[in-house]
Amino acid sequence: MPKQQIAVIGLGRFGSSAAMQLVRLGYDVLGVDRNEDLVENLSDELTHVVRADTSNEGALEELGIRNFDVVVVGISSEVQSSIVTTLIHKHLNVPYVIAKARDELHGEILDRIGADKVIYPEREAGLRISHTFISRELLDYVEVVPGYGVSKIRVPDRFVGRSLQVLGFGEDSGLRILMIGRGDSVVHDPQPGERIQDGDVLMVVGEDRYLSEMEL
């Protein structure tokens, strides 16, 4: 199967970070920005990088943008440019357009003009950071729906050698262990009798109220 062709429009902090991570994941990535310095800085990092006015439909069409499988519009500080750029990509029939929004109103507009997915990196980062205040062992958090999410937890020393059942993870606790990261391996859907080892990392799913009540 050929690799997906992905274009990232706007190479600020979000766009450049997303583009470089996509390259690490094995995708062919075209980075586009009108800032010559940003383009030059990423010339050795991405598959292709070009300088272009992303709100100019003719310029994007010359790049063959309609042939890309996914376009990520990483512009949000300039709302008008973000909206126009997203609209152009949908007009060019790009199959899947992901657009970054600055706030709810911006996101609603992007959604209405046809963005296939709208993301809020700053809001999501704030949400993840706020949940890590619960405990120093809580490494990360991803919201699934409001009030319900997945937490990545580094197990404390007192968990080592004890089974998940003894530790109280189960249906009655309102929490479920999806997997255990153990060195370079993963234990998927661990059984109640699975014993925690030193250095394990748990992926726990459940309601926020139960996650916050965990005694780590």
C-alpha atoms as a PDB file:
ATOM      1  CA  MET A   1       0.000   0.000   0.000  1.00  0.00           C
ATOM      2  CA  PRO A   2       1.482   3.413  -0.986  1.00  0.00           C
ATOM      3  CA  LYS A   3       2.183   5.885   1.775  1.00  0.00           C
ATOM      4  CA  GLN A   4      -0.372   8.620   2.287  1.00  0.00           C
ATOM      5  CA  GLN A   5       0.586  12.028   0.969  1.00  0.00           C
ATOM      6  CA  ILE A   6       0.075  14.676   3.652  1.00  0.00           C
ATOM      7  CA  ALA A   7       0.450  18.446   3.379  1.00  0.00           C
ATOM      8  CA  VAL A   8       0.817  20.724   6.389  1.00  0.00           C
ATOM      9  CA  ILE A   9      -0.163  24.328   5.735  1.00  0.00           C
ATOM     10  CA  GLY A  10       1.374  26.797   8.169  1.00  0.00           C
ATOM     11  CA  LEU A  11       4.689  25.876   9.748  1.00  0.00           C
ATOM     12  CA  GLY A  12       4.502  27.667  13.073  1.00  0.00           C
ATOM     13  CA  ARG A  13       5.023  25.777  16.331  1.00  0.00           C
ATOM     14  CA  PHE A  14       2.015  23.517  15.848  1.00  0.00           C
ATOM     15  CA  GLY A  15       2.427  22.928  12.130  1.00  0.00           C
ATOM     16  CA  SER A  16       6.158  22.235  12.227  1.00  0.00           C
ATOM     17  CA  SER A  17       5.783  19.882  15.192  1.00  0.00           C
ATOM     18  CA  ALA A  18       2.941  17.979  13.511  1.00  0.00           C
ATOM     19  CA  ALA A  19       4.824  17.779  10.207  1.00  0.00           C
ATOM     20  CA  MET A  20       8.022  16.432  11.751  1.00  0.00           C
ATOM     21  CA  GLN A  21       6.121  13.843  13.768  1.00  0.00           C
ATOM     22  CA  LEU A  22       4.282  12.682  10.642  1.00  0.00           C
ATOM     23  CA  VAL A  23       7.642  12.238   8.891  1.00  0.00           C
ATOM     24  CA  ARG A  24       8.864  10.149  11.859  1.00  0.00           C
ATOM     25  CA  LEU A  25       5.754   7.990  11.448  1.00  0.00           C
ATOM     26  CA  GLY A  26       6.749   7.280   7.861  1.00  0.00           C
ATOM     27  CA  TYR A  27       4.522   9.629   5.865  1.00  0.00           C
ATOM     28  CA  ASP A  28       5.568  11.775   2.923  1.00  0.00           C
ATOM     29  CA  VAL A  29       4.962  15.342   4.095  1.00  0.00           C
ATOM     30  CA  LEU A  30       4.812  18.588   2.164  1.00  0.00           C
ATOM     31  CA  GLY A  31       5.210  21.675   4.338  1.00  0.00           C
ATOM     32  CA  VAL A  32       3.889  24.995   3.044  1.00  0.00           C
ATOM     33  CA  ASP A  33       4.311  28.461   4.515  1.00  0.00           C
ATOM     34  CA  ARG A  34       4.717  32.000   3.217  1.00  0.00           C
ATOM     35  CA  ASN A  35       7.507  32.691   5.712  1.00  0.00           C
ATOM     36  CA  GLU A  36      10.839  32.060   4.009  1.00  0.00           C
ATOM     37  CA  ASP A  37      12.719  31.529   7.290  1.00  0.00           C
ATOM     38  CA  LEU A  38      10.316  28.803   8.448  1.00  0.00           C
ATOM     39  CA  VAL A  39      10.559  27.074   5.092  1.00  0.00           C
ATOM     40  CA  GLU A  40      14.344  27.183   5.146  1.00  0.00           C
ATOM     41  CA  ASN A  41      14.546  25.894   8.735  1.00  0.00           C
ATOM     42  CA  LEU A  42      12.519  22.798   7.834  1.00  0.00           C
ATOM     43  CA  SER A  43      14.096  22.073   4.467  1.00  0.00           C
ATOM     44  CA  ASP A  44      16.107  19.154   5.868  1.00  0.00           C
ATOM     45  CA  GLU A  45      13.324  17.841   8.130  1.00  0.00           C
ATOM     46  CA  LEU A  46      10.377  17.272   5.788  1.00  0.00           C
ATOM     47  CA  THR A  47       9.954  15.407   2.505  1.00  0.00           C
ATOM     48  CA  HIS A  48       9.299  18.674   0.659  1.00  0.00           C
ATOM     49  CA  VAL A  49       8.982  22.279   1.847  1.00  0.00           C
ATOM     50  CA  VAL A  50       7.824  25.210  -0.269  1.00  0.00           C
ATOM     51  CA  ARG A  51       7.117  28.879   0.214  1.00  0.00           C
ATOM     52  CA  ALA A  52       3.660  29.894  -1.028  1.00  0.00           C
ATOM     53  CA  ASP A  53       0.681  32.091  -0.237  1.00  0.00           C
ATOM     54  CA  THR A  54      -1.703  29.524   1.222  1.00  0.00           C
ATOM     55  CA  SER A  55      -4.739  31.767   0.716  1.00  0.00           C
ATOM     56  CA  ASN A  56      -4.105  31.820  -3.045  1.00  0.00           C
ATOM     57  CA  GLU A  57      -6.015  29.023  -4.749  1.00  0.00           C
ATOM     58  CA  GLY A  58      -3.883  29.192  -7.885  1.00  0.00           C
ATOM     59  CA  ALA A  59      -0.676  28.791  -5.876  1.00  0.00           C
ATOM     60  CA  LEU A  60      -2.019  25.750  -4.056  1.00  0.00           C
ATOM     61  CA  GLU A  61      -3.312  24.208  -7.267  1.00  0.00           C
ATOM     62  CA  GLU A  62       0.146  24.592  -8.823  1.00  0.00           C
ATOM     63  CA  LEU A  63       1.516  22.574  -5.904  1.00  0.00           C
ATOM     64  CA  GLY A  64      -0.874  19.762  -6.840  1.00  0.00           C
ATOM     65  CA  ILE A  65      -2.562  20.013  -3.454  1.00  0.00           C
ATOM     66  CA  ARG A  66      -5.704  18.303  -4.745  1.00  0.00           C
ATOM     67  CA  ASN A  67      -3.634  15.110  -5.124  1.00  0.00           C
ATOM     68  CA  PHE A  68      -2.854  14.910  -1.416  1.00  0.00           C
ATOM     69  CA  ASP A  69      -4.776  12.497   0.797  1.00  0.00           C
ATOM     70  CA  VAL A  70      -4.786  14.714   3.887  1.00  0.00           C
ATOM     71  CA  VAL A  71      -4.172  18.416   4.439  1.00  0.00           C
ATOM     72  CA  VAL A  72      -3.546  19.853   7.892  1.00  0.00           C
ATOM     73  CA  VAL A  73      -4.298  23.578   8.113  1.00  0.00           C
ATOM     74  CA  GLY A  74      -2.148  24.619  11.046  1.00  0.00           C
ATOM     75  CA  ILE A  75      -2.971  28.338  10.843  1.00  0.00           C
ATOM     76  CA  SER A  76      -5.022  29.788  13.705  1.00  0.00           C
ATOM     77  CA  SER A  77      -3.532  33.135  14.723  1.00  0.00           C
ATOM     78  CA  GLU A  78      -4.790  34.685  11.479  1.00  0.00           C
ATOM     79  CA  VAL A  79      -8.422  33.602  11.520  1.00  0.00           C
ATOM     80  CA  GLN A  80      -9.314  34.954   8.099  1.00  0.00           C
ATOM     81  CA  SER A  81      -6.349  33.217   6.484  1.00  0.00           C
ATOM     82  CA  SER A  82      -7.258  29.977   8.276  1.00  0.00           C
ATOM     83  CA  ILE A  83     -10.844  30.110   7.028  1.00  0.00           C
ATOM     84  CA  VAL A  84      -9.932  31.026   3.442  1.00  0.00           C
ATOM     85  CA  THR A  85      -7.211  28.350   3.284  1.00  0.00           C
ATOM     86  CA  THR A  86      -9.559  25.663   4.613  1.00  0.00           C
ATOM     87  CA  LEU A  87     -12.298  26.699   2.170  1.00  0.00           C
ATOM     88  CA  ILE A  88      -9.872  26.558  -0.764  1.00  0.00           C
ATOM     89  CA  HIS A  89      -8.798  23.019   0.098  1.00  0.00           C
ATOM     90  CA  LYS A  90     -12.394  21.847   0.262  1.00  0.00           C
ATOM     91  CA  HIS A  91     -13.054  23.601  -3.053  1.00  0.00           C
ATOM     92  CA  LEU A  92     -10.103  21.697  -4.529  1.00  0.00           C
ATOM     93  CA  ASN A  93     -11.723  18.459  -3.313  1.00  0.00           C
ATOM     94  CA  VAL A  94      -8.961  17.427  -0.922  1.00  0.00           C
ATOM     95  CA  PRO A  95     -10.342  14.185   0.595  1.00  0.00           C
ATOM     96  CA  TYR A  96      -9.645  15.013   4.244  1.00  0.00           C
ATOM     97  CA  VAL A  97      -8.936  18.440   5.734  1.00  0.00           C
ATOM     98  CA  ILE A  98      -7.919  18.872   9.379  1.00  0.00           C
ATOM     99  CA  ALA A  99      -8.039  22.466  10.607  1.00  0.00           C
ATOM    100  CA  LYS A 100      -6.654  23.998  13.783  1.00  0.00           C
ATOM    101  CA  ALA A 101      -9.002  26.357  15.635  1.00  0.00           C
ATOM    102  CA  ARG A 102      -8.128  29.145  18.043  1.00  0.00           C
ATOM    103  CA  ASP A 103     -11.459  29.104  19.901  1.00  0.00           C
ATOM    104  CA  GLU A 104     -15.013  27.743  19.714  1.00  0.00           C
ATOM    105  CA  LEU A 105     -16.290  30.396  17.289  1.00  0.00           C
ATOM    106  CA  HIS A 106     -13.353  29.850  14.956  1.00  0.00           C
ATOM    107  CA  GLY A 107     -13.915  26.102  15.183  1.00  0.00           C
ATOM    108  CA  GLU A 108     -17.629  26.428  14.422  1.00  0.00           C
ATOM    109  CA  ILE A 109     -16.864  28.426  11.279  1.00  0.00           C
ATOM    110  CA  LEU A 110     -14.292  25.867  10.144  1.00  0.00           C
ATOM    111  CA  ASP A 111     -16.820  23.114  10.719  1.00  0.00           C
ATOM    112  CA  ARG A 112     -19.529  24.949   8.766  1.00  0.00           C
ATOM    113  CA  ILE A 113     -17.307  25.523   5.731  1.00  0.00           C
ATOM    114  CA  GLY A 114     -16.512  21.833   5.505  1.00  0.00           C
ATOM    115  CA  ALA A 115     -13.412  20.986   7.560  1.00  0.00           C
ATOM    116  CA  ASP A 116     -13.519  17.235   8.107  1.00  0.00           C
ATOM    117  CA  LYS A 117     -11.959  17.557  11.551  1.00  0.00           C
ATOM    118  CA  VAL A 118     -11.414  20.599  13.778  1.00  0.00           C
ATOM    119  CA  ILE A 119      -8.799  20.438  16.515  1.00  0.00           C
ATOM    120  CA  TYR A 120      -8.063  22.696  19.486  1.00  0.00           C
ATOM    121  CA  PRO A 121      -4.436  21.988  20.475  1.00  0.00           C
ATOM    122  CA  GLU A 122      -4.164  24.728  23.122  1.00  0.00           C
ATOM    123  CA  ARG A 123      -7.398  23.717  24.828  1.00  0.00           C
ATOM    124  CA  GLU A 124      -6.502  20.044  24.708  1.00  0.00           C
ATOM    125  CA  ALA A 125      -3.016  20.734  26.073  1.00  0.00           C
ATOM    126  CA  GLY A 126      -4.519  22.733  28.945  1.00  0.00           C
ATOM    127  CA  LEU A 127      -6.947  19.924  29.724  1.00  0.00           C
ATOM    128  CA  ARG A 128      -4.173  17.323  29.759  1.00  0.00           C
ATOM    129  CA  ILE A 129      -1.914  19.431  31.955  1.00  0.00           C
ATOM    130  CA  SER A 130      -4.686  20.198  34.447  1.00  0.00           C
ATOM    131  CA  HIS A 131      -5.384  16.493  34.928  1.00  0.00           C
ATOM    132  CA  THR A 132      -1.737  15.777  35.710  1.00  0.00           C
ATOM    133  CA  PHE A 133      -2.121  18.007  38.788  1.00  0.00           C
ATOM    134  CA  ILE A 134      -4.048  15.132  40.398  1.00  0.00           C
ATOM    135  CA  SER A 135      -0.867  13.180  41.054  1.00  0.00           C
ATOM    136  CA  ARG A 136       2.803  13.230  40.155  1.00  0.00           C
ATOM    137  CA  GLU A 137       2.364   9.640  38.926  1.00  0.00           C
ATOM    138  CA  LEU A 138      -0.252  10.691  36.358  1.00  0.00           C
ATOM    139  CA  LEU A 139       1.782  11.215  33.186  1.00  0.00           C
ATOM    140  CA  ASP A 140      -0.887  12.118  30.658  1.00  0.00           C
ATOM    141  CA  TYR A 141      -4.619  12.354  30.097  1.00  0.00           C
ATOM    142  CA  VAL A 142      -6.838  12.221  26.996  1.00  0.00           C
ATOM    143  CA  GLU A 143     -10.501  13.208  27.163  1.00  0.00           C
ATOM    144  CA  VAL A 144     -12.828  10.801  25.346  1.00  0.00           C
ATOM    145  CA  VAL A 145     -16.036  12.699  26.150  1.00  0.00           C
ATOM    146  CA  PRO A 146     -16.549  15.376  28.829  1.00  0.00           C
ATOM    147  CA  GLY A 147     -16.068  13.760  32.232  1.00  0.00           C
ATOM    148  CA  TYR A 148     -14.609  10.532  30.855  1.00  0.00           C
ATOM    149  CA  GLY A 149     -11.088   9.835  29.674  1.00  0.00           C
ATOM    150  CA  VAL A 150      -7.931   7.753  29.532  1.00  0.00           C
ATOM    151  CA  SER A 151      -5.015   8.318  31.903  1.00  0.00           C
ATOM    152  CA  LYS A 152      -1.421   7.177  31.580  1.00  0.00           C
ATOM    153  CA  ILE A 153      -0.107   6.396  35.057  1.00  0.00           C
ATOM    154  CA  ARG A 154       3.337   5.477  36.334  1.00  0.00           C
ATOM    155  CA  VAL A 155       2.757   2.979  39.144  1.00  0.00           C
ATOM    156  CA  PRO A 156       4.080   3.897  42.595  1.00  0.00           C
ATOM    157  CA  ASP A 157       6.420   1.558  44.457  1.00  0.00           C
ATOM    158  CA  ARG A 158       3.680   0.286  46.748  1.00  0.00           C
ATOM    159  CA  PHE A 159       1.795  -1.193  43.761  1.00  0.00           C
ATOM    160  CA  VAL A 160       4.706  -3.443  42.787  1.00  0.00           C
ATOM    161  CA  GLY A 161       4.051  -7.143  43.320  1.00  0.00           C
ATOM    162  CA  ARG A 162       0.311  -6.691  43.870  1.00  0.00           C
ATOM    163  CA  SER A 163      -2.403  -7.848  41.475  1.00  0.00           C
ATOM    164  CA  LEU A 164      -4.859  -5.550  39.738  1.00  0.00           C
ATOM    165  CA  GLN A 165      -7.673  -7.226  41.644  1.00  0.00           C
ATOM    166  CA  VAL A 166      -6.068  -6.577  45.015  1.00  0.00           C
ATOM    167  CA  LEU A 167      -5.411  -2.971  44.014  1.00  0.00           C
ATOM    168  CA  GLY A 168      -9.120  -2.517  43.350  1.00  0.00           C
ATOM    169  CA  PHE A 169      -9.162  -2.104  39.596  1.00  0.00           C
ATOM    170  CA  GLY A 170     -12.328  -3.592  38.155  1.00  0.00           C
ATOM    171  CA  GLU A 171     -15.967  -2.984  37.331  1.00  0.00           C
ATOM    172  CA  ASP A 172     -16.855  -1.954  40.877  1.00  0.00           C
ATOM    173  CA  SER A 173     -14.155   0.721  40.906  1.00  0.00           C
ATOM    174  CA  GLY A 174     -15.422   2.421  37.776  1.00  0.00           C
ATOM    175  CA  LEU A 175     -11.960   2.069  36.226  1.00  0.00           C
ATOM    176  CA  ARG A 176     -10.574  -0.385  33.708  1.00  0.00           C
ATOM    177  CA  ILE A 177      -6.958  -1.133  32.804  1.00  0.00           C
ATOM    178  CA  LEU A 178      -6.674  -1.135  29.015  1.00  0.00           C
ATOM    179  CA  MET A 179      -3.032  -2.141  28.912  1.00  0.00           C
ATOM    180  CA  ILE A 180       0.208  -2.198  30.851  1.00  0.00           C
ATOM    181  CA  GLY A 181       3.414  -0.823  29.371  1.00  0.00           C
ATOM    182  CA  ARG A 182       6.260  -3.000  30.550  1.00  0.00           C
ATOM    183  CA  GLY A 183       9.690  -2.113  29.212  1.00  0.00           C
ATOM    184  CA  ASP A 184       9.517  -2.517  25.446  1.00  0.00           C
ATOM    185  CA  SER A 185       6.423  -4.729  25.562  1.00  0.00           C
ATOM    186  CA  VAL A 186       2.712  -4.270  26.220  1.00  0.00           C
ATOM    187  CA  VAL A 187       0.241  -6.410  28.164  1.00  0.00           C
ATOM    188  CA  HIS A 188      -3.120  -5.944  26.437  1.00  0.00           C
ATOM    189  CA  ASP A 189      -6.371  -6.206  28.412  1.00  0.00           C
ATOM    190  CA  PRO A 190      -4.636  -7.616  31.516  1.00  0.00           C
ATOM    191  CA  GLN A 191      -6.496 -10.089  33.706  1.00  0.00           C
ATOM    192  CA  PRO A 192      -7.419  -9.319  37.359  1.00  0.00           C
ATOM    193  CA  GLY A 193      -4.638 -11.612  38.558  1.00  0.00           C
ATOM    194  CA  GLU A 194      -1.928  -9.733  36.630  1.00  0.00           C
ATOM    195  CA  ARG A 195       0.741  -8.504  39.060  1.00  0.00           C
ATOM    196  CA  ILE A 196       2.301  -5.090  38.746  1.00  0.00           C
ATOM    197  CA  GLN A 197       6.049  -4.969  38.117  1.00  0.00           C
ATOM    198  CA  ASP A 198       8.538  -2.238  38.878  1.00  0.00           C
ATOM    199  CA  GLY A 199       8.499   0.406  36.140  1.00  0.00           C
ATOM    200  CA  ASP A 200       5.070  -0.521  34.758  1.00  0.00           C
ATOM    201  CA  VAL A 201       2.912   2.164  33.171  1.00  0.00           C
ATOM    202  CA  LEU A 202      -0.879   1.749  33.231  1.00  0.00           C
ATOM    203  CA  MET A 203      -3.394   2.976  30.684  1.00  0.00           C
ATOM    204  CA  VAL A 204      -6.571   3.466  32.710  1.00  0.00           C
ATOM    205  CA  VAL A 205     -10.002   4.385  31.338  1.00  0.00           C
ATOM    206  CA  GLY A 206     -12.905   5.674  33.398  1.00  0.00           C
ATOM    207  CA  GLU A 207     -14.870   8.641  34.650  1.00  0.00           C
ATOM    208  CA  ASP A 208     -12.867  11.643  35.787  1.00  0.00           C
ATOM    209  CA  ARG A 209     -14.382  11.454  39.269  1.00  0.00           C
ATOM    210  CA  TYR A 210     -12.987   7.950  39.725  1.00  0.00           C
ATOM    211  CA  LEU A 211      -9.635   8.858  38.192  1.00  0.00           C
ATOM    212  CA  SER A 212      -9.312  11.786  40.589  1.00  0.00           C
ATOM    213  CA  GLU A 213     -10.132   9.559  43.572  1.00  0.00           C
ATOM    214  CA  MET A 214      -7.333   7.103  42.825  1.00  0.00           C
ATOM    215  CA  GLU A 215      -4.926   6.939  45.737  1.00  0.00           C
ATOM    216  CA  LEU A 216      -1.591   6.924  44.000  1.00  0.00           C
END
